[in-house]
């Protein structure tokens, strides 16, 4: 799911190296029909899904002119269908944003191994999602480089509770993005082009902006709490500009285990696909002599208010994290479309959190309603704050 994005392309790159072990059953995208068509030609899936109806129609016409047997489907329901197909063993959940929630839940209910690159599924509906995974004996494998690193450094029985297995703290690393050392007083002048130019990772535009504001790290803190059954007080964000250590786990005996590697998403993808075995990912081995040194800093909440708000929403609980995520998606989209200044991203989120009612997140409809309400409130605040630099 999300095959035309960065994670999807990297996943197909890994699959291509192991064509004897893996077969692509379905590929999905939002509306990138040309790119999806090229992937269909190369991997010949049984199904290709596009959410956008016009794009699906264009893809169907292209496929009719080939000897492919790929069936083109359209819409959100089709995403849920392919995520739960009987012949599917693994689902790469790489749709960006809230749009990935329902198909990822469908994969959980179908008992699949879920390769989770969509953090919003846990940010929006952590309790519900984790319960679905447990109830249907699905497997949840984290793909975010940081969460995958934590998983690799954890004892195998961490579900019992981190303190019970001797874990003292999770050290969640962050590059700090492109503005880690930029004068705070100039951040209001940041352009979308500057914000998407990440110094270490190749990512989509939305995630790149999230990295620049550190909201990406805030969402990862929320995700880590659900993945590793822990509290926010157990997670320390560590700025590490080289992005060589992907995260660490500190133990009560004084040990700190770190997972290291070159910043390439094919490493966590290959790890999660092959686990508990290992397989070639195509990533060059790390040359520690070339790296030479590693740096670490504490994050500055004044520079990164989005990170602070994520911790606060997590502590508040209920639909607060759903509202946080929705507001961020609207604000980032407005920034990318040059309707909003960079520093007003956090202000839209702050205003939305303050002016949206928070309730207990005890069912999926409540979560979807909270998401919808927060988006409308955010849109209103974007209109009030737009171009006010």
Protein backbone atom coordinates (compact mmCIF):
# COMPACT_ATOMS: atom_id res chain seq x y z
CA UNK A 1 0.00 0.00 0.00
CA UNK A 2 1.61 3.22 -1.22
CA UNK A 3 3.87 1.55 -3.79
CA UNK A 4 4.73 4.73 -5.69
CA UNK A 5 6.06 6.58 -2.63
CA UNK A 6 9.58 6.41 -1.25
CA UNK A 7 8.91 3.46 1.06
CA UNK A 8 7.00 1.63 -1.66
CA UNK A 9 9.79 2.08 -4.22
CA UNK A 10 12.39 0.88 -1.69
CA UNK A 11 10.24 -2.15 -0.81
CA UNK A 12 10.00 -3.14 -4.47
CA UNK A 13 13.76 -2.71 -4.75
CA UNK A 14 14.24 -5.25 -1.95
CA UNK A 15 11.65 -7.62 -3.44
CA UNK A 16 13.40 -7.48 -6.80
CA UNK A 17 16.57 -8.80 -5.14
CA UNK A 18 14.65 -11.79 -3.77
CA UNK A 19 12.27 -12.72 -6.58
CA UNK A 20 12.61 -16.38 -5.59
CA UNK A 21 11.10 -15.66 -2.15
CA UNK A 22 8.48 -12.94 -2.73
CA UNK A 23 5.67 -12.32 -5.19
CA UNK A 24 3.75 -9.05 -5.45
CA UNK A 25 -0.01 -9.68 -5.24
CA UNK A 26 -1.21 -6.06 -5.21
CA UNK A 27 0.16 -2.57 -5.67
CA UNK A 28 -1.73 0.54 -4.57
CA UNK A 29 -1.35 4.28 -4.95
CA UNK A 30 -3.42 7.43 -4.66
CA UNK A 31 -3.35 8.85 -8.18
CA UNK A 32 0.14 8.27 -9.64
CA UNK A 33 -1.17 6.08 -12.48
CA UNK A 34 1.87 6.37 -14.77
CA UNK A 35 4.32 5.29 -12.07
CA UNK A 36 1.98 2.51 -10.94
CA UNK A 37 1.69 1.30 -14.53
CA UNK A 38 5.48 0.99 -14.80
CA UNK A 39 5.50 -1.00 -11.56
CA UNK A 40 2.75 -3.27 -12.89
CA UNK A 41 4.78 -3.94 -16.03
CA UNK A 42 7.79 -4.92 -13.91
CA UNK A 43 6.06 -6.91 -11.14
CA UNK A 44 2.83 -8.13 -12.81
CA UNK A 45 0.56 -8.01 -9.74
CA UNK A 46 -2.91 -9.56 -9.66
CA UNK A 47 -4.38 -6.24 -8.55
CA UNK A 48 -3.56 -2.55 -8.95
CA UNK A 49 -5.53 -0.07 -6.87
CA UNK A 50 -5.83 3.68 -7.32
CA UNK A 51 -7.92 5.77 -4.95
CA UNK A 52 -8.54 8.44 -7.59
CA UNK A 53 -11.22 7.33 -10.11
CA UNK A 54 -9.79 9.24 -13.10
CA UNK A 55 -6.32 7.83 -12.47
CA UNK A 56 -7.79 4.31 -12.21
CA UNK A 57 -9.51 4.75 -15.55
CA UNK A 58 -6.26 5.89 -17.18
CA UNK A 59 -4.40 2.90 -15.70
CA UNK A 60 -7.04 0.47 -16.92
CA UNK A 61 -6.70 1.78 -20.47
CA UNK A 62 -2.91 1.41 -20.32
CA UNK A 63 -3.10 -2.16 -19.00
CA UNK A 64 -5.62 -3.18 -21.70
CA UNK A 65 -2.94 -2.44 -24.28
CA UNK A 66 -0.56 -4.97 -22.69
CA UNK A 67 -0.63 -8.72 -22.03
CA UNK A 68 -0.83 -8.11 -18.25
CA UNK A 69 -3.55 -9.89 -16.28
CA UNK A 70 -3.62 -7.16 -13.63
CA UNK A 71 -7.11 -6.18 -12.47
CA UNK A 72 -7.53 -2.46 -11.76
CA UNK A 73 -9.62 -1.51 -8.72
CA UNK A 74 -10.61 1.92 -7.43
CA UNK A 75 -11.35 3.55 -4.09
CA UNK A 76 -10.77 3.15 -0.35
CA UNK A 77 -12.83 -0.06 -0.17
CA UNK A 78 -10.50 -1.62 -2.74
CA UNK A 79 -7.50 -0.79 -0.51
CA UNK A 80 -9.15 -2.72 2.32
CA UNK A 81 -9.95 -5.59 -0.02
CA UNK A 82 -6.39 -6.15 -1.22
CA UNK A 83 -4.97 -5.67 2.29
CA UNK A 84 -7.01 -8.64 3.49
CA UNK A 85 -6.73 -11.02 0.49
CA UNK A 86 -6.34 -14.64 1.48
CA UNK A 87 -3.24 -15.11 -0.67
CA UNK A 88 -1.39 -12.19 0.95
CA UNK A 89 1.08 -12.91 3.77
CA UNK A 90 2.64 -9.47 4.24
CA UNK A 91 1.22 -5.97 3.82
CA UNK A 92 3.53 -2.97 3.50
CA UNK A 93 1.48 -0.17 5.04
CA UNK A 94 3.15 2.86 3.46
CA UNK A 95 0.23 5.19 2.72
CA UNK A 96 1.07 8.60 4.15
CA UNK A 97 -1.31 10.14 6.67
CA UNK A 98 -4.77 9.28 7.97
CA UNK A 99 -5.72 7.72 4.62
CA UNK A 100 -3.73 4.64 5.61
CA UNK A 101 -5.75 3.91 8.77
CA UNK A 102 -8.66 1.84 7.40
CA UNK A 103 -6.66 -0.43 5.05
CA UNK A 104 -4.05 -1.03 7.76
CA UNK A 105 -6.82 -2.01 10.19
CA UNK A 106 -8.18 -4.35 7.50
CA UNK A 107 -4.77 -6.04 7.29
CA UNK A 108 -4.73 -6.46 11.08
CA UNK A 109 -8.21 -8.01 11.10
CA UNK A 110 -7.08 -10.42 8.38
CA UNK A 111 -4.15 -11.57 10.54
CA UNK A 112 -1.37 -10.40 8.19
CA UNK A 113 2.23 -9.53 8.93
CA UNK A 114 1.97 -5.75 8.80
CA UNK A 115 5.11 -3.88 7.82
CA UNK A 116 4.11 -0.61 9.43
CA UNK A 117 5.49 2.51 7.78
CA UNK A 118 2.24 4.45 8.32
CA UNK A 119 2.64 5.88 11.82
CA UNK A 120 -0.77 7.56 11.73
CA UNK A 121 -2.55 4.22 12.27
CA UNK A 122 -1.11 4.13 15.79
CA UNK A 123 -1.17 7.88 16.38
CA UNK A 124 -4.89 8.06 15.60
CA UNK A 125 -6.14 4.78 17.01
CA UNK A 126 -3.37 3.13 19.01
CA UNK A 127 -5.49 1.20 21.50
CA UNK A 128 -7.98 -0.02 18.89
CA UNK A 129 -5.24 -0.93 16.41
CA UNK A 130 -3.11 -2.85 18.91
CA UNK A 131 -6.18 -4.75 20.14
CA UNK A 132 -7.06 -5.74 16.55
CA UNK A 133 -3.50 -7.00 16.01
CA UNK A 134 -3.66 -9.12 19.18
CA UNK A 135 -7.19 -10.38 18.62
CA UNK A 136 -6.50 -11.59 15.08
CA UNK A 137 -2.92 -12.85 15.69
CA UNK A 138 -1.46 -10.41 13.21
CA UNK A 139 2.26 -9.55 13.31
CA UNK A 140 3.33 -5.93 13.62
CA UNK A 141 6.80 -5.12 12.30
CA UNK A 142 7.94 -1.47 12.53
CA UNK A 143 9.46 0.03 9.38
CA UNK A 144 10.37 3.52 10.58
CA UNK A 145 14.15 3.30 10.93
CA UNK A 146 13.95 4.40 14.57
CA UNK A 147 11.26 1.94 15.65
CA UNK A 148 12.86 -0.87 13.70
CA UNK A 149 16.14 -0.07 15.47
CA UNK A 150 14.41 -0.16 18.86
CA UNK A 151 12.80 -3.48 17.95
CA UNK A 152 16.22 -4.91 17.06
CA UNK A 153 17.67 -3.73 20.40
CA UNK A 154 14.80 -5.02 22.54
CA UNK A 155 14.64 -8.40 24.29
CA UNK A 156 12.24 -10.76 22.55
CA UNK A 157 9.68 -10.70 25.37
CA UNK A 158 9.34 -6.90 25.72
CA UNK A 159 5.52 -7.16 25.54
CA UNK A 160 5.62 -8.11 29.23
CA UNK A 161 6.52 -4.50 30.02
CA UNK A 162 9.81 -2.70 29.62
CA UNK A 163 10.69 -2.41 33.29
CA UNK A 164 9.96 -6.10 33.80
CA UNK A 165 12.53 -7.01 31.12
CA UNK A 166 15.20 -4.64 32.41
CA UNK A 167 14.73 -1.72 30.02
CA UNK A 168 15.44 1.65 31.58
CA UNK A 169 14.71 4.00 28.66
CA UNK A 170 14.24 4.19 24.91
CA UNK A 171 16.58 6.68 23.24
CA UNK A 172 14.79 7.77 20.06
CA UNK A 173 17.19 9.48 17.68
CA UNK A 174 16.39 12.38 15.34
CA UNK A 175 18.56 14.14 12.79
CA UNK A 176 17.13 17.54 13.76
CA UNK A 177 16.26 18.20 10.12
CA UNK A 178 17.64 21.01 7.94
CA UNK A 179 17.07 23.81 10.50
CA UNK A 180 18.72 22.35 13.59
CA UNK A 181 21.24 25.21 13.74
CA UNK A 182 19.38 27.92 11.85
CA UNK A 183 18.64 31.17 13.69
CA UNK A 184 15.17 30.76 15.23
CA UNK A 185 14.28 34.35 14.29
CA UNK A 186 14.61 33.48 10.59
CA UNK A 187 12.45 30.34 10.60
CA UNK A 188 9.36 32.28 9.52
CA UNK A 189 11.14 32.83 6.17
CA UNK A 190 11.64 29.11 5.48
CA UNK A 191 10.34 28.07 2.04
CA UNK A 192 8.80 24.69 1.13
CA UNK A 193 11.82 24.01 -1.07
CA UNK A 194 14.14 24.46 1.91
CA UNK A 195 11.97 22.38 4.23
CA UNK A 196 11.83 19.32 1.97
CA UNK A 197 15.62 19.25 1.48
CA UNK A 198 16.44 16.76 4.25
CA UNK A 199 20.19 16.48 4.93
CA UNK A 200 20.27 12.67 5.34
CA UNK A 201 17.13 10.88 4.18
CA UNK A 202 15.25 10.70 0.89
CA UNK A 203 11.59 11.12 1.86
CA UNK A 204 8.29 12.43 0.56
CA UNK A 205 7.41 16.12 0.92
CA UNK A 206 5.01 15.77 3.84
CA UNK A 207 7.36 13.64 5.93
CA UNK A 208 10.28 15.91 5.08
CA UNK A 209 8.39 18.93 6.43
CA UNK A 210 7.43 16.90 9.52
CA UNK A 211 11.13 16.19 10.02
CA UNK A 212 11.94 19.90 9.73
CA UNK A 213 9.34 20.79 12.41
CA UNK A 214 10.18 17.65 14.45
CA UNK A 215 6.49 16.68 14.38
CA UNK A 216 7.68 13.50 12.73
CA UNK A 217 9.59 12.72 15.91
CA UNK A 218 6.60 13.64 18.03
CA UNK A 219 4.44 11.18 16.09
CA UNK A 220 7.19 8.58 16.51
CA UNK A 221 7.14 9.06 20.29
CA UNK A 222 3.40 8.34 20.25
CA UNK A 223 3.93 5.35 17.97
CA UNK A 224 6.73 3.98 20.17
CA UNK A 225 4.49 4.05 23.24
CA UNK A 226 2.01 1.78 21.49
CA UNK A 227 4.56 -0.46 19.79
CA UNK A 228 6.56 -1.10 22.93
CA UNK A 229 3.81 -0.88 25.56
CA UNK A 230 5.35 2.01 27.46
CA UNK A 231 4.83 5.58 28.69
CA UNK A 232 6.17 8.87 27.26
CA UNK A 233 8.40 9.31 30.30
CA UNK A 234 10.33 6.23 29.11
CA UNK A 235 11.21 7.82 25.76
CA UNK A 236 14.00 10.37 25.38
CA UNK A 237 14.44 12.09 22.01
CA UNK A 238 18.13 12.51 21.12
CA UNK A 239 19.34 14.76 18.30
CA UNK A 240 21.92 12.87 16.29
CA UNK A 241 22.70 14.78 13.06
CA UNK A 242 24.68 11.98 11.36
CA UNK A 243 21.66 9.58 11.33
CA UNK A 244 24.01 6.62 11.77
CA UNK A 245 22.61 5.37 15.09
CA UNK A 246 18.93 4.85 14.34
CA UNK A 247 17.91 4.49 18.00
CA UNK A 248 19.10 2.97 21.27
CA UNK A 249 17.72 1.05 24.23
CA UNK A 250 19.11 1.71 27.71
CA UNK A 251 19.02 -1.15 30.25
CA UNK A 252 18.94 -1.08 34.03
CA UNK A 253 22.37 -2.74 34.26
CA UNK A 254 23.98 0.24 32.52
CA UNK A 255 24.09 -1.30 29.03
CA UNK A 256 22.99 0.74 26.04
CA UNK A 257 22.32 -1.19 22.83
CA UNK A 258 22.35 0.77 19.57
CA UNK A 259 21.41 -0.20 16.03
CA UNK A 260 23.65 1.46 13.45
CA UNK A 261 23.76 1.60 9.68
CA UNK A 262 23.81 3.86 6.67
CA UNK A 263 20.63 5.97 6.37
CA UNK A 264 18.76 3.83 3.84
CA UNK A 265 15.20 2.59 4.33
CA UNK A 266 15.94 -0.71 2.61
CA UNK A 267 17.64 -1.90 5.81
CA UNK A 268 14.53 -1.82 8.06
CA UNK A 269 12.36 -3.01 5.15
CA UNK A 270 14.52 -6.08 4.53
CA UNK A 271 14.79 -6.75 8.27
CA UNK A 272 11.02 -6.69 8.77
CA UNK A 273 10.27 -8.76 5.67
CA UNK A 274 12.77 -11.52 6.52
CA UNK A 275 12.49 -11.50 10.33
CA UNK A 276 13.59 -13.54 12.25
CA UNK A 277 16.12 -14.25 9.49
CA UNK A 278 18.30 -11.70 7.67
CA UNK A 279 18.67 -11.05 3.96
CA UNK A 280 20.51 -8.73 1.59
CA UNK A 281 18.92 -5.31 1.29
CA UNK A 282 21.22 -3.67 -1.25
CA UNK A 283 22.52 -1.19 1.35
CA UNK A 284 26.27 -0.60 1.52
CA UNK A 285 27.84 -1.75 4.82
CA UNK A 286 28.63 1.03 7.28
CA UNK A 287 32.24 2.23 7.22
CA UNK A 288 32.80 3.48 10.77
CA UNK A 289 36.17 4.96 9.84
CA UNK A 290 34.50 7.14 7.24
CA UNK A 291 31.88 8.23 9.79
CA UNK A 292 34.71 9.13 12.21
CA UNK A 293 32.52 10.78 14.89
CA UNK A 294 28.98 10.81 16.24
CA UNK A 295 27.26 13.81 17.84
CA UNK A 296 24.32 13.97 20.26
CA UNK A 297 22.25 16.91 21.55
CA UNK A 298 19.10 17.51 23.58
CA UNK A 299 16.18 18.89 21.52
CA UNK A 300 15.15 22.49 22.10
CA UNK A 301 11.35 22.69 22.53
CA UNK A 302 11.42 26.40 21.71
CA UNK A 303 12.91 25.58 18.30
CA UNK A 304 10.66 22.54 17.90
CA UNK A 305 7.26 23.33 19.49
CA UNK A 306 5.60 20.52 17.50
CA UNK A 307 7.62 17.96 19.45
CA UNK A 308 6.47 19.46 22.74
CA UNK A 309 2.82 19.41 21.60
CA UNK A 310 3.09 15.74 20.65
CA UNK A 311 4.26 14.85 24.17
CA UNK A 312 1.42 16.94 25.65
CA UNK A 313 -1.23 15.31 23.41
CA UNK A 314 0.07 11.88 24.34
CA UNK A 315 -0.17 12.69 28.03
CA UNK A 316 -3.69 14.08 27.58
CA UNK A 317 -4.85 10.90 25.84
CA UNK A 318 -8.20 10.23 24.19
CA UNK A 319 -8.62 11.86 20.80
CA UNK A 320 -5.90 14.46 21.45
CA UNK A 321 -3.34 12.61 19.30
CA UNK A 322 -5.92 12.19 16.50
CA UNK A 323 -6.56 15.94 16.59
CA UNK A 324 -2.80 16.64 16.63
CA UNK A 325 -2.26 14.48 13.55
CA UNK A 326 -5.19 15.95 11.61
CA UNK A 327 -4.15 19.53 12.35
CA UNK A 328 -0.59 18.78 11.29
CA UNK A 329 -1.68 17.27 7.97
CA UNK A 330 -3.80 20.33 7.14
CA UNK A 331 -1.10 22.80 8.24
CA UNK A 332 1.71 21.06 6.35
CA UNK A 333 -0.38 20.87 3.20
CA UNK A 334 -1.11 24.59 3.49
CA UNK A 335 2.59 25.33 3.97
CA UNK A 336 3.57 23.23 0.94
CA UNK A 337 0.99 25.15 -1.10
CA UNK A 338 2.46 28.44 0.17
CA UNK A 339 -0.69 29.40 2.04
CA UNK A 340 0.99 29.32 5.44
CA UNK A 341 4.38 30.30 6.83
CA UNK A 342 6.65 27.62 8.31
CA UNK A 343 6.31 28.90 11.89
CA UNK A 344 2.52 29.05 11.58
CA UNK A 345 2.38 25.26 11.13
CA UNK A 346 2.80 24.86 14.88
CA UNK A 347 0.38 27.71 15.57
CA UNK A 348 -2.40 26.03 13.55
CA UNK A 349 -1.81 22.81 15.49
CA UNK A 350 -1.79 24.64 18.82
CA UNK A 351 -5.03 26.51 18.03
CA UNK A 352 -6.74 23.34 16.78
CA UNK A 353 -5.80 21.38 19.89
CA UNK A 354 -7.16 24.21 22.03
CA UNK A 355 -10.43 24.65 20.15
CA UNK A 356 -11.39 21.04 19.39
CA UNK A 357 -13.26 18.96 21.97
CA UNK A 358 -11.34 15.88 23.11
CA UNK A 359 -13.16 12.69 24.10
CA UNK A 360 -12.28 9.09 24.98
CA UNK A 361 -11.05 7.25 21.86
CA UNK A 362 -13.07 4.10 22.49
CA UNK A 363 -14.28 3.26 18.98
CA UNK A 364 -13.29 3.81 15.37
CA UNK A 365 -16.19 6.13 14.53
CA UNK A 366 -15.28 8.45 17.40
CA UNK A 367 -11.73 8.63 16.04
CA UNK A 368 -12.88 9.30 12.47
CA UNK A 369 -15.27 12.01 13.71
CA UNK A 370 -12.50 13.64 15.76
CA UNK A 371 -10.24 13.57 12.70
CA UNK A 372 -12.92 15.20 10.55
CA UNK A 373 -13.76 17.87 13.14
CA UNK A 374 -10.10 18.73 13.69
CA UNK A 375 -9.50 19.12 9.96
CA UNK A 376 -12.30 21.65 9.67
CA UNK A 377 -11.05 23.61 12.68
CA UNK A 378 -7.54 23.56 11.20
CA UNK A 379 -8.75 24.81 7.83
CA UNK A 380 -10.44 27.73 9.60
CA UNK A 381 -7.22 28.58 11.45
CA UNK A 382 -5.17 28.35 8.24
CA UNK A 383 -7.48 30.99 6.74
CA UNK A 384 -6.92 33.24 9.72
CA UNK A 385 -3.14 32.80 9.80
CA UNK A 386 -2.32 32.52 6.10
CA UNK A 387 0.40 34.78 4.78
CA UNK A 388 0.85 36.36 8.21
CA UNK A 389 4.60 36.16 8.35
